[in-house]
PDB file of N, CA and C in Angstrom:
ATOM      1  N   UNK A   1     -14.934  -4.887  85.531  1.00  0.00           N
ATOM      2  CA  UNK A   1     -13.514  -5.446  86.194  1.00  0.00           C
ATOM      3  C   UNK A   1     -12.206  -5.816  85.005  1.00  0.00           C
ATOM      4  N   UNK A   2     -11.427  -4.377  85.170  1.00  0.00           N
ATOM      5  CA  UNK A   2     -10.163  -3.916  84.042  1.00  0.00           C
ATOM      6  C   UNK A   2      -9.522  -4.609  84.228  1.00  0.00           C
ATOM      7  N   UNK A   3      -8.832  -5.959  84.037  1.00  0.00           N
ATOM      8  CA  UNK A   3      -7.311  -6.718  84.516  1.00  0.00           C
ATOM      9  C   UNK A   3      -6.043  -5.825  84.688  1.00  0.00           C
ATOM     10  N   UNK A   4      -5.367  -6.247  84.780  1.00  0.00           N
ATOM     11  CA  UNK A   4      -3.780  -5.224  84.677  1.00  0.00           C
ATOM     12  C   UNK A   4      -2.668  -5.540  84.655  1.00  0.00           C
ATOM     13  N   UNK A   5      -2.154  -5.953  83.893  1.00  0.00           N
ATOM     14  CA  UNK A   5      -0.694  -7.262  83.494  1.00  0.00           C
ATOM     15  C   UNK A   5      -0.240  -7.324  84.535  1.00  0.00           C
ATOM     16  N   UNK A   6       0.663  -7.755  84.797  1.00  0.00           N
ATOM     17  CA  UNK A   6       1.451  -8.961  85.419  1.00  0.00           C
ATOM     18  C   UNK A   6       3.006  -8.315  84.813  1.00  0.00           C
ATOM     19  N   UNK A   7       3.109  -8.673  84.480  1.00  0.00           N
ATOM     20  CA  UNK A   7       4.536  -8.664  83.710  1.00  0.00           C
ATOM     21  C   UNK A   7       4.559  -8.269  82.024  1.00  0.00           C
ATOM     22  N   UNK A   8       5.824  -8.304  82.237  1.00  0.00           N
ATOM     23  CA  UNK A   8       6.005  -8.075  80.196  1.00  0.00           C
ATOM     24  C   UNK A   8       7.700  -8.813  79.574  1.00  0.00           C
ATOM     25  N   UNK A   9       6.888  -9.838  78.993  1.00  0.00           N
ATOM     26  CA  UNK A   9       8.082 -10.306  78.512  1.00  0.00           C
ATOM     27  C   UNK A   9       8.561  -9.439  76.915  1.00  0.00           C
ATOM     28  N   UNK A  10       9.629  -9.097  76.502  1.00  0.00           N
ATOM     29  CA  UNK A  10      10.084  -8.439  75.871  1.00  0.00           C
ATOM     30  C   UNK A  10      11.843  -9.591  75.337  1.00  0.00           C
ATOM     31  N   UNK A  11      10.965  -9.681  73.910  1.00  0.00           N
ATOM     32  CA  UNK A  11      12.598 -10.292  72.815  1.00  0.00           C
ATOM     33  C   UNK A  11      13.933  -9.604  72.784  1.00  0.00           C
ATOM     34  N   UNK A  12      14.818 -10.578  73.844  1.00  0.00           N
ATOM     35  CA  UNK A  12      16.105  -9.098  73.380  1.00  0.00           C
ATOM     36  C   UNK A  12      16.739  -9.612  71.886  1.00  0.00           C
ATOM     37  N   UNK A  13      16.964 -10.653  71.579  1.00  0.00           N
ATOM     38  CA  UNK A  13      17.610 -11.361  71.297  1.00  0.00           C
ATOM     39  C   UNK A  13      17.393 -12.497  70.208  1.00  0.00           C
ATOM     40  N   UNK A  14      17.661 -12.560  69.245  1.00  0.00           N
ATOM     41  CA  UNK A  14      17.368 -13.762  68.411  1.00  0.00           C
ATOM     42  C   UNK A  14      19.051 -14.621  67.998  1.00  0.00           C
ATOM     43  N   UNK A  15      18.530 -15.595  67.978  1.00  0.00           N
ATOM     44  CA  UNK A  15      20.294 -16.633  67.416  1.00  0.00           C
ATOM     45  C   UNK A  15      19.730 -17.483  66.445  1.00  0.00           C
ATOM     46  N   UNK A  16      21.291 -17.313  65.722  1.00  0.00           N
ATOM     47  CA  UNK A  16      21.221 -19.090  64.862  1.00  0.00           C
ATOM     48  C   UNK A  16      22.510 -19.466  64.847  1.00  0.00           C
ATOM     49  N   UNK A  17      22.228 -20.640  65.055  1.00  0.00           N
ATOM     50  CA  UNK A  17      23.702 -21.727  65.188  1.00  0.00           C
ATOM     51  C   UNK A  17      23.842 -22.679  65.015  1.00  0.00           C
ATOM     52  N   UNK A  18      24.232 -21.445  63.636  1.00  0.00           N
ATOM     53  CA  UNK A  18      24.592 -22.326  62.315  1.00  0.00           C
ATOM     54  C   UNK A  18      25.900 -24.232  61.963  1.00  0.00           C
ATOM     55  N   UNK A  19      26.682 -24.566  63.120  1.00  0.00           N
ATOM     56  CA  UNK A  19      27.679 -25.096  63.235  1.00  0.00           C
ATOM     57  C   UNK A  19      26.607 -25.957  64.368  1.00  0.00           C
ATOM     58  N   UNK A  20      25.467 -25.814  64.980  1.00  0.00           N
ATOM     59  CA  UNK A  20      25.067 -26.970  65.192  1.00  0.00           C
ATOM     60  C   UNK A  20      24.233 -27.616  64.175  1.00  0.00           C
ATOM     61  N   UNK A  21      23.346 -26.875  63.722  1.00  0.00           N
ATOM     62  CA  UNK A  21      22.835 -27.040  62.304  1.00  0.00           C
ATOM     63  C   UNK A  21      23.212 -27.735  61.588  1.00  0.00           C
ATOM     64  N   UNK A  22      24.466 -27.661  61.560  1.00  0.00           N
ATOM     65  CA  UNK A  22      24.797 -28.119  59.969  1.00  0.00           C
ATOM     66  C   UNK A  22      25.858 -29.928  61.082  1.00  0.00           C
ATOM     67  N   UNK A  23      25.679 -29.955  61.620  1.00  0.00           N
ATOM     68  CA  UNK A  23      26.456 -30.629  62.313  1.00  0.00           C
ATOM     69  C   UNK A  23      24.657 -32.021  63.135  1.00  0.00           C
ATOM     70  N   UNK A  24      24.083 -31.695  63.687  1.00  0.00           N
ATOM     71  CA  UNK A  24      23.082 -31.932  64.035  1.00  0.00           C
ATOM     72  C   UNK A  24      21.267 -32.056  63.052  1.00  0.00           C
ATOM     73  N   UNK A  25      21.168 -31.008  62.226  1.00  0.00           N
ATOM     74  CA  UNK A  25      19.982 -30.775  61.429  1.00  0.00           C
ATOM     75  C   UNK A  25      20.414 -31.352  60.364  1.00  0.00           C
ATOM     76  N   UNK A  26      19.063 -32.715  60.429  1.00  0.00           N
ATOM     77  CA  UNK A  26      18.674 -33.526  58.758  1.00  0.00           C
ATOM     78  C   UNK A  26      18.337 -32.352  57.478  1.00  0.00           C
ATOM     79  N   UNK A  27      18.947 -32.183  56.126  1.00  0.00           N
ATOM     80  CA  UNK A  27      19.693 -31.715  55.564  1.00  0.00           C
ATOM     81  C   UNK A  27      18.599 -30.633  54.641  1.00  0.00           C
ATOM     82  N   UNK A  28      17.329 -32.572  55.472  1.00  0.00           N
ATOM     83  CA  UNK A  28      15.726 -31.934  54.309  1.00  0.00           C
ATOM     84  C   UNK A  28      14.928 -30.589  55.360  1.00  0.00           C
ATOM     85  N   UNK A  29      15.410 -30.245  56.444  1.00  0.00           N
ATOM     86  CA  UNK A  29      15.689 -29.943  57.593  1.00  0.00           C
ATOM     87  C   UNK A  29      16.396 -28.365  58.053  1.00  0.00           C
ATOM     88  N   UNK A  30      16.989 -28.466  56.616  1.00  0.00           N
ATOM     89  CA  UNK A  30      18.367 -26.666  57.250  1.00  0.00           C
ATOM     90  C   UNK A  30      17.484 -25.914  56.443  1.00  0.00           C
ATOM     91  N   UNK A  31      18.606 -24.382  56.877  1.00  0.00           N
ATOM     92  CA  UNK A  31      17.754 -22.966  55.469  1.00  0.00           C
ATOM     93  C   UNK A  31      16.211 -22.419  56.899  1.00  0.00           C
ATOM     94  N   UNK A  32      16.465 -22.420  57.368  1.00  0.00           N
ATOM     95  CA  UNK A  32      15.124 -22.195  58.527  1.00  0.00           C
ATOM     96  C   UNK A  32      15.423 -20.254  58.266  1.00  0.00           C
ATOM     97  N   UNK A  33      16.643 -19.854  59.165  1.00  0.00           N
ATOM     98  CA  UNK A  33      17.077 -19.105  59.777  1.00  0.00           C
ATOM     99  C   UNK A  33      16.944 -18.673  61.204  1.00  0.00           C
ATOM    100  N   UNK A  34      17.034 -17.126  61.384  1.00  0.00           N
ATOM    101  CA  UNK A  34      16.161 -16.838  62.229  1.00  0.00           C
ATOM    102  C   UNK A  34      14.957 -17.274  62.854  1.00  0.00           C
ATOM    103  N   UNK A  35      15.459 -17.159  64.236  1.00  0.00           N
ATOM    104  CA  UNK A  35      13.345 -17.799  64.049  1.00  0.00           C
ATOM    105  C   UNK A  35      12.518 -16.582  63.931  1.00  0.00           C
ATOM    106  N   UNK A  36      11.066 -17.583  63.182  1.00  0.00           N
ATOM    107  CA  UNK A  36       9.914 -15.977  62.516  1.00  0.00           C
ATOM    108  C   UNK A  36       9.468 -15.778  63.120  1.00  0.00           C
ATOM    109  N   UNK A  37       8.387 -17.299  64.101  1.00  0.00           N
ATOM    110  CA  UNK A  37       7.884 -15.941  65.353  1.00  0.00           C
ATOM    111  C   UNK A  37       8.305 -14.797  65.863  1.00  0.00           C
ATOM    112  N   UNK A  38       8.668 -14.651  66.005  1.00  0.00           N
ATOM    113  CA  UNK A  38       9.238 -13.759  66.383  1.00  0.00           C
ATOM    114  C   UNK A  38      10.924 -12.440  65.841  1.00  0.00           C
ATOM    115  N   UNK A  39      10.566 -11.061  66.841  1.00  0.00           N
ATOM    116  CA  UNK A  39      10.968 -10.462  67.164  1.00  0.00           C
ATOM    117  C   UNK A  39      12.299 -10.282  67.718  1.00  0.00           C
ATOM    118  N   UNK A  40      13.981  -9.262  67.694  1.00  0.00           N
ATOM    119  CA  UNK A  40      13.878  -8.093  68.377  1.00  0.00           C
ATOM    120  C   UNK A  40      12.710  -7.121  69.398  1.00  0.00           C
ATOM    121  N   UNK A  41      12.573  -6.888  70.319  1.00  0.00           N
ATOM    122  CA  UNK A  41      12.134  -5.428  70.170  1.00  0.00           C
ATOM    123  C   UNK A  41      10.252  -5.676  70.282  1.00  0.00           C
ATOM    124  N   UNK A  42      10.073  -7.254  70.048  1.00  0.00           N
ATOM    125  CA  UNK A  42       8.836  -7.604  70.232  1.00  0.00           C
ATOM    126  C   UNK A  42       7.938  -7.015  72.011  1.00  0.00           C
ATOM    127  N   UNK A  43       6.471  -7.000  72.246  1.00  0.00           N
ATOM    128  CA  UNK A  43       6.689  -6.651  73.598  1.00  0.00           C
ATOM    129  C   UNK A  43       5.366  -7.986  73.680  1.00  0.00           C
ATOM    130  N   UNK A  44       5.369  -8.544  74.882  1.00  0.00           N
ATOM    131  CA  UNK A  44       4.648  -9.086  75.072  1.00  0.00           C
ATOM    132  C   UNK A  44       3.519  -8.629  76.636  1.00  0.00           C
ATOM    133  N   UNK A  45       2.168  -8.576  76.926  1.00  0.00           N
ATOM    134  CA  UNK A  45       1.689  -8.693  78.182  1.00  0.00           C
ATOM    135  C   UNK A  45       0.840  -9.451  79.175  1.00  0.00           C
ATOM    136  N   UNK A  46       1.600 -10.224  79.744  1.00  0.00           N
ATOM    137  CA  UNK A  46       1.649 -10.940  80.519  1.00  0.00           C
ATOM    138  C   UNK A  46      -0.042 -10.939  82.159  1.00  0.00           C
ATOM    139  N   UNK A  47      -1.616 -11.503  81.258  1.00  0.00           N
ATOM    140  CA  UNK A  47      -1.941 -10.059  82.923  1.00  0.00           C
ATOM    141  C   UNK A  47      -2.466 -11.613  83.221  1.00  0.00           C
ATOM    142  N   UNK A  48      -1.737 -13.410  83.013  1.00  0.00           N
ATOM    143  CA  UNK A  48      -2.198 -13.890  84.227  1.00  0.00           C
ATOM    144  C   UNK A  48      -1.437 -15.645  83.706  1.00  0.00           C
ATOM    145  N   UNK A  49      -0.433 -15.542  84.489  1.00  0.00           N
ATOM    146  CA  UNK A  49       0.695 -16.712  84.288  1.00  0.00           C
ATOM    147  C   UNK A  49      -0.389 -18.186  83.945  1.00  0.00           C
ATOM    148  N   UNK A  50      -1.596 -17.913  83.595  1.00  0.00           N
ATOM    149  CA  UNK A  50      -2.633 -18.801  82.873  1.00  0.00           C
ATOM    150  C   UNK A  50      -2.845 -19.010  82.382  1.00  0.00           C
ATOM    151  N   UNK A  51      -2.506 -17.350  81.443  1.00  0.00           N
ATOM    152  CA  UNK A  51      -2.826 -17.443  79.866  1.00  0.00           C
ATOM    153  C   UNK A  51      -1.601 -16.906  78.993  1.00  0.00           C
ATOM    154  N   UNK A  52      -1.369 -17.581  78.274  1.00  0.00           N
ATOM    155  CA  UNK A  52       0.015 -17.366  77.165  1.00  0.00           C
ATOM    156  C   UNK A  52      -0.587 -15.719  76.203  1.00  0.00           C
ATOM    157  N   UNK A  53      -0.278 -14.543  76.413  1.00  0.00           N
ATOM    158  CA  UNK A  53       0.448 -13.377  75.992  1.00  0.00           C
ATOM    159  C   UNK A  53      -0.264 -13.903  73.849  1.00  0.00           C
ATOM    160  N   UNK A  54      -1.360 -12.650  73.248  1.00  0.00           N
ATOM    161  CA  UNK A  54      -1.491 -13.520  71.595  1.00  0.00           C
ATOM    162  C   UNK A  54      -0.643 -13.652  71.509  1.00  0.00           C
ATOM    163  N   UNK A  55      -0.658 -13.915  70.513  1.00  0.00           N
ATOM    164  CA  UNK A  55       0.568 -14.185  68.896  1.00  0.00           C
ATOM    165  C   UNK A  55       2.196 -14.853  69.721  1.00  0.00           C
ATOM    166  N   UNK A  56       1.753 -14.893  71.058  1.00  0.00           N
ATOM    167  CA  UNK A  56       3.162 -15.847  71.741  1.00  0.00           C
ATOM    168  C   UNK A  56       3.137 -16.525  71.089  1.00  0.00           C
ATOM    169  N   UNK A  57       4.694 -17.735  70.400  1.00  0.00           N
ATOM    170  CA  UNK A  57       4.936 -18.930  70.383  1.00  0.00           C
ATOM    171  C   UNK A  57       5.275 -19.685  71.712  1.00  0.00           C
ATOM    172  N   UNK A  58       4.072 -20.802  71.321  1.00  0.00           N
ATOM    173  CA  UNK A  58       3.643 -21.987  72.015  1.00  0.00           C
ATOM    174  C   UNK A  58       4.514 -22.812  72.696  1.00  0.00           C
ATOM    175  N   UNK A  59       6.033 -22.677  72.101  1.00  0.00           N
ATOM    176  CA  UNK A  59       7.034 -23.737  72.855  1.00  0.00           C
ATOM    177  C   UNK A  59       7.323 -21.977  73.343  1.00  0.00           C
ATOM    178  N   UNK A  60       8.109 -21.505  72.782  1.00  0.00           N
ATOM    179  CA  UNK A  60       8.413 -20.662  73.404  1.00  0.00           C
ATOM    180  C   UNK A  60       7.753 -20.052  75.252  1.00  0.00           C
ATOM    181  N   UNK A  61       6.207 -20.165  75.189  1.00  0.00           N
ATOM    182  CA  UNK A  61       5.323 -19.940  76.402  1.00  0.00           C
ATOM    183  C   UNK A  61       5.657 -21.292  77.496  1.00  0.00           C
ATOM    184  N   UNK A  62       5.944 -22.394  76.740  1.00  0.00           N
ATOM    185  CA  UNK A  62       6.425 -23.569  77.517  1.00  0.00           C
ATOM    186  C   UNK A  62       7.329 -23.475  78.756  1.00  0.00           C
ATOM    187  N   UNK A  63       9.013 -22.858  77.988  1.00  0.00           N
ATOM    188  CA  UNK A  63       9.674 -22.937  77.892  1.00  0.00           C
ATOM    189  C   UNK A  63      10.341 -22.167  79.020  1.00  0.00           C
ATOM    190  N   UNK A  64       9.522 -21.355  78.877  1.00  0.00           N
ATOM    191  CA  UNK A  64      10.047 -20.025  79.614  1.00  0.00           C
ATOM    192  C   UNK A  64       8.360 -19.496  81.179  1.00  0.00           C
ATOM    193  N   UNK A  65       7.464 -20.163  81.210  1.00  0.00           N
ATOM    194  CA  UNK A  65       6.521 -20.136  82.334  1.00  0.00           C
ATOM    195  C   UNK A  65       7.052 -20.012  83.011  1.00  0.00           C
ATOM    196  N   UNK A  66       7.812 -20.665  83.982  1.00  0.00           N
ATOM    197  CA  UNK A  66       8.012 -21.515  84.947  1.00  0.00           C
ATOM    198  C   UNK A  66       8.853 -19.330  85.694  1.00  0.00           C
ATOM    199  N   UNK A  67      10.000 -19.063  84.188  1.00  0.00           N
ATOM    200  CA  UNK A  67      10.007 -17.731  84.463  1.00  0.00           C
ATOM    201  C   UNK A  67       9.165 -16.612  85.563  1.00  0.00           C
ATOM    202  N   UNK A  68       8.207 -17.135  84.174  1.00  0.00           N
ATOM    203  CA  UNK A  68       6.966 -15.930  84.268  1.00  0.00           C
ATOM    204  C   UNK A  68       6.127 -16.200  85.937  1.00  0.00           C
ATOM    205  N   UNK A  69       5.948 -17.600  86.371  1.00  0.00           N
ATOM    206  CA  UNK A  69       5.543 -17.652  87.539  1.00  0.00           C
ATOM    207  C   UNK A  69       6.335 -17.017  88.402  1.00  0.00           C
ATOM    208  N   UNK A  70       7.796 -17.059  88.393  1.00  0.00           N
ATOM    209  CA  UNK A  70       8.493 -16.825  89.287  1.00  0.00           C
ATOM    210  C   UNK A  70       8.489 -15.218  89.858  1.00  0.00           C
ATOM    211  N   UNK A  71       8.687 -14.882  88.288  1.00  0.00           N
ATOM    212  CA  UNK A  71       8.977 -12.593  88.836  1.00  0.00           C
ATOM    213  C   UNK A  71       7.966 -12.288  89.447  1.00  0.00           C
ATOM    214  N   UNK A  72       6.545 -12.714  88.719  1.00  0.00           N
ATOM    215  CA  UNK A  72       4.427 -12.451  88.928  1.00  0.00           C
ATOM    216  C   UNK A  72       4.880 -12.103  90.952  1.00  0.00           C
ATOM    217  N   UNK A  73       5.939 -13.416  91.645  1.00  0.00           N
ATOM    218  CA  UNK A  73       5.820 -13.822  92.637  1.00  0.00           C
ATOM    219  C   UNK A  73       6.586 -13.502  93.643  1.00  0.00           C
ATOM    220  N   UNK A  74       7.441 -12.021  93.102  1.00  0.00           N
ATOM    221  CA  UNK A  74       8.071 -10.879  93.838  1.00  0.00           C
ATOM    222  C   UNK A  74       9.544 -13.022  93.258  1.00  0.00           C
ATOM    223  N   UNK A  75       9.824 -13.558  92.739  1.00  0.00           N
ATOM    224  CA  UNK A  75      10.999 -13.666  93.794  1.00  0.00           C
ATOM    225  C   UNK A  75      12.029 -12.733  92.710  1.00  0.00           C
ATOM    226  N   UNK A  76      13.608 -12.674  93.132  1.00  0.00           N
ATOM    227  CA  UNK A  76      14.148 -11.404  93.797  1.00  0.00           C
ATOM    228  C   UNK A  76      15.694 -12.846  93.065  1.00  0.00           C
ATOM    229  N   UNK A  77      16.236 -12.238  91.865  1.00  0.00           N
ATOM    230  CA  UNK A  77      17.293 -13.031  91.495  1.00  0.00           C
ATOM    231  C   UNK A  77      18.079 -12.050  91.591  1.00  0.00           C
ATOM    232  N   UNK A  78      19.353 -12.647  92.892  1.00  0.00           N
ATOM    233  CA  UNK A  78      20.844 -11.752  93.570  1.00  0.00           C
ATOM    234  C   UNK A  78      22.025 -10.606  92.147  1.00  0.00           C
ATOM    235  N   UNK A  79      21.415 -11.969  90.968  1.00  0.00           N
ATOM    236  CA  UNK A  79      22.590 -11.932  89.814  1.00  0.00           C
ATOM    237  C   UNK A  79      22.135 -10.756  89.230  1.00  0.00           C
ATOM    238  N   UNK A  80      20.832 -10.259  89.321  1.00  0.00           N
ATOM    239  CA  UNK A  80      20.729  -8.813  88.353  1.00  0.00           C
ATOM    240  C   UNK A  80      21.309  -7.608  89.147  1.00  0.00           C
ATOM    241  N   UNK A  81      20.925  -6.391  88.228  1.00  0.00           N
ATOM    242  CA  UNK A  81      21.512  -5.668  88.720  1.00  0.00           C
ATOM    243  C   UNK A  81      20.016  -4.968  89.191  1.00  0.00           C
ATOM    244  N   UNK A  82      18.526  -5.494  88.145  1.00  0.00           N
ATOM    245  CA  UNK A  82      17.607  -4.971  88.354  1.00  0.00           C
ATOM    246  C   UNK A  82      17.017  -6.035  89.563  1.00  0.00           C
ATOM    247  N   UNK A  83      15.509  -5.098  90.189  1.00  0.00           N
ATOM    248  CA  UNK A  83      15.007  -6.163  90.300  1.00  0.00           C
ATOM    249  C   UNK A  83      13.990  -5.863  90.522  1.00  0.00           C
ATOM    250  N   UNK A  84      13.297  -7.517  89.700  1.00  0.00           N
ATOM    251  CA  UNK A  84      11.915  -7.558  89.002  1.00  0.00           C
ATOM    252  C   UNK A  84      12.567  -8.215  87.915  1.00  0.00           C
ATOM    253  N   UNK A  85      13.605  -8.376  87.552  1.00  0.00           N
ATOM    254  CA  UNK A  85      13.076  -9.309  85.629  1.00  0.00           C
ATOM    255  C   UNK A  85      13.798 -10.635  85.953  1.00  0.00           C
ATOM    256  N   UNK A  86      13.737 -11.631  85.005  1.00  0.00           N
ATOM    257  CA  UNK A  86      14.562 -12.326  84.477  1.00  0.00           C
ATOM    258  C   UNK A  86      15.034 -12.061  83.520  1.00  0.00           C
ATOM    259  N   UNK A  87      16.075 -13.480  82.585  1.00  0.00           N
ATOM    260  CA  UNK A  87      16.265 -13.522  80.980  1.00  0.00           C
ATOM    261  C   UNK A  87      15.549 -15.049  81.192  1.00  0.00           C
ATOM    262  N   UNK A  88      15.339 -15.537  80.650  1.00  0.00           N
ATOM    263  CA  UNK A  88      14.589 -16.758  79.872  1.00  0.00           C
ATOM    264  C   UNK A  88      15.459 -16.619  78.299  1.00  0.00           C
ATOM    265  N   UNK A  89      15.172 -18.537  78.350  1.00  0.00           N
ATOM    266  CA  UNK A  89      14.981 -18.555  76.838  1.00  0.00           C
ATOM    267  C   UNK A  89      14.074 -19.495  76.158  1.00  0.00           C
ATOM    268  N   UNK A  90      14.160 -19.531  74.948  1.00  0.00           N
ATOM    269  CA  UNK A  90      13.632 -21.115  74.381  1.00  0.00           C
ATOM    270  C   UNK A  90      14.926 -22.454  74.056  1.00  0.00           C
ATOM    271  N   UNK A  91      13.457 -23.495  74.001  1.00  0.00           N
ATOM    272  CA  UNK A  91      14.292 -24.301  74.798  1.00  0.00           C
ATOM    273  C   UNK A  91      14.501 -24.899  72.847  1.00  0.00           C
ATOM    274  N   UNK A  92      15.324 -23.994  71.552  1.00  0.00           N
ATOM    275  CA  UNK A  92      14.852 -24.524  70.597  1.00  0.00           C
ATOM    276  C   UNK A  92      16.604 -24.470  70.581  1.00  0.00           C
ATOM    277  N   UNK A  93      17.717 -25.248  70.292  1.00  0.00           N
ATOM    278  CA  UNK A  93      18.873 -24.563  70.339  1.00  0.00           C
ATOM    279  C   UNK A  93      19.779 -24.495  69.175  1.00  0.00           C
ATOM    280  N   UNK A  94      18.677 -24.916  67.795  1.00  0.00           N
ATOM    281  CA  UNK A  94      19.416 -24.260  66.398  1.00  0.00           C
ATOM    282  C   UNK A  94      19.170 -23.133  67.104  1.00  0.00           C
ATOM    283  N   UNK A  95      18.204 -22.374  66.747  1.00  0.00           N
ATOM    284  CA  UNK A  95      17.458 -20.665  66.547  1.00  0.00           C
ATOM    285  C   UNK A  95      16.989 -20.272  68.189  1.00  0.00           C
ATOM    286  N   UNK A  96      17.617 -20.305  69.199  1.00  0.00           N
ATOM    287  CA  UNK A  96      17.300 -19.758  70.427  1.00  0.00           C
ATOM    288  C   UNK A  96      16.869 -17.945  69.522  1.00  0.00           C
ATOM    289  N   UNK A  97      15.483 -17.915  71.187  1.00  0.00           N
ATOM    290  CA  UNK A  97      15.627 -16.246  71.181  1.00  0.00           C
ATOM    291  C   UNK A  97      15.093 -16.715  72.981  1.00  0.00           C
ATOM    292  N   UNK A  98      16.385 -15.060  73.550  1.00  0.00           N
ATOM    293  CA  UNK A  98      16.125 -14.600  74.593  1.00  0.00           C
ATOM    294  C   UNK A  98      15.207 -13.737  74.896  1.00  0.00           C
ATOM    295  N   UNK A  99      14.154 -13.551  75.837  1.00  0.00           N
ATOM    296  CA  UNK A  99      13.399 -12.918  76.608  1.00  0.00           C
ATOM    297  C   UNK A  99      13.983 -12.235  77.969  1.00  0.00           C
ATOM    298  N   UNK A 100      13.480 -10.775  78.079  1.00  0.00           N
ATOM    299  CA  UNK A 100      13.452  -9.939  79.204  1.00  0.00           C
ATOM    300  C   UNK A 100      12.112 -10.528  79.715  1.00  0.00           C
ATOM    301  N   UNK A 101      12.190 -10.916  80.858  1.00  0.00           N
ATOM    302  CA  UNK A 101      11.031 -10.808  81.519  1.00  0.00           C
ATOM    303  C   UNK A 101      10.516  -9.991  83.004  1.00  0.00           C
ATOM    304  N   UNK A 102       9.819  -8.705  82.784  1.00  0.00           N
ATOM    305  CA  UNK A 102       9.389  -8.240  84.011  1.00  0.00           C
ATOM    306  C   UNK A 102       8.376  -8.004  85.116  1.00  0.00           C
ATOM    307  N   UNK A 103       8.310  -6.941  86.263  1.00  0.00           N
ATOM    308  CA  UNK A 103       7.213  -6.815  86.728  1.00  0.00           C
ATOM    309  C   UNK A 103       6.519  -5.837  86.560  1.00  0.00           C
ATOM    310  N   UNK A 104       5.923  -6.154  86.751  1.00  0.00           N
ATOM    311  CA  UNK A 104       4.794  -4.881  86.588  1.00  0.00           C
ATOM    312  C   UNK A 104       4.201  -4.576  87.238  1.00  0.00           C
ATOM    313  N   UNK A 105       5.152  -3.291  88.056  1.00  0.00           N
ATOM    314  CA  UNK A 105       4.184  -2.846  89.601  1.00  0.00           C
ATOM    315  C   UNK A 105       3.256  -1.680  89.260  1.00  0.00           C
ATOM    316  N   UNK A 106       2.456  -1.666  90.502  1.00  0.00           N
ATOM    317  CA  UNK A 106       1.080  -0.868  90.571  1.00  0.00           C
ATOM    318  C   UNK A 106       1.708   0.650  90.852  1.00  0.00           C
TER     319      UNK A 106
END
């Protein structure tokens, strides 16, 4: 049996909050730049809300999994132009990454 993907995650933006880094991060931890695990345009297919896609960031998966579950289960957010999508992000507030999560329909 071939399993079809339930949703797709697309990296839409990486950011760097240098002012927050300068104010709060220890000196020896500074200098990392943008998230190096992911880049804009990366796409990941989700076949199960219980299994992280290969090569996806473990920390980001933990942060956005609730939104993946919502989209897979047909939650519709009234503030989005398009049905079956949401925007979510990782909680690295020094170097945050934003994701578009979209349901894949048959």
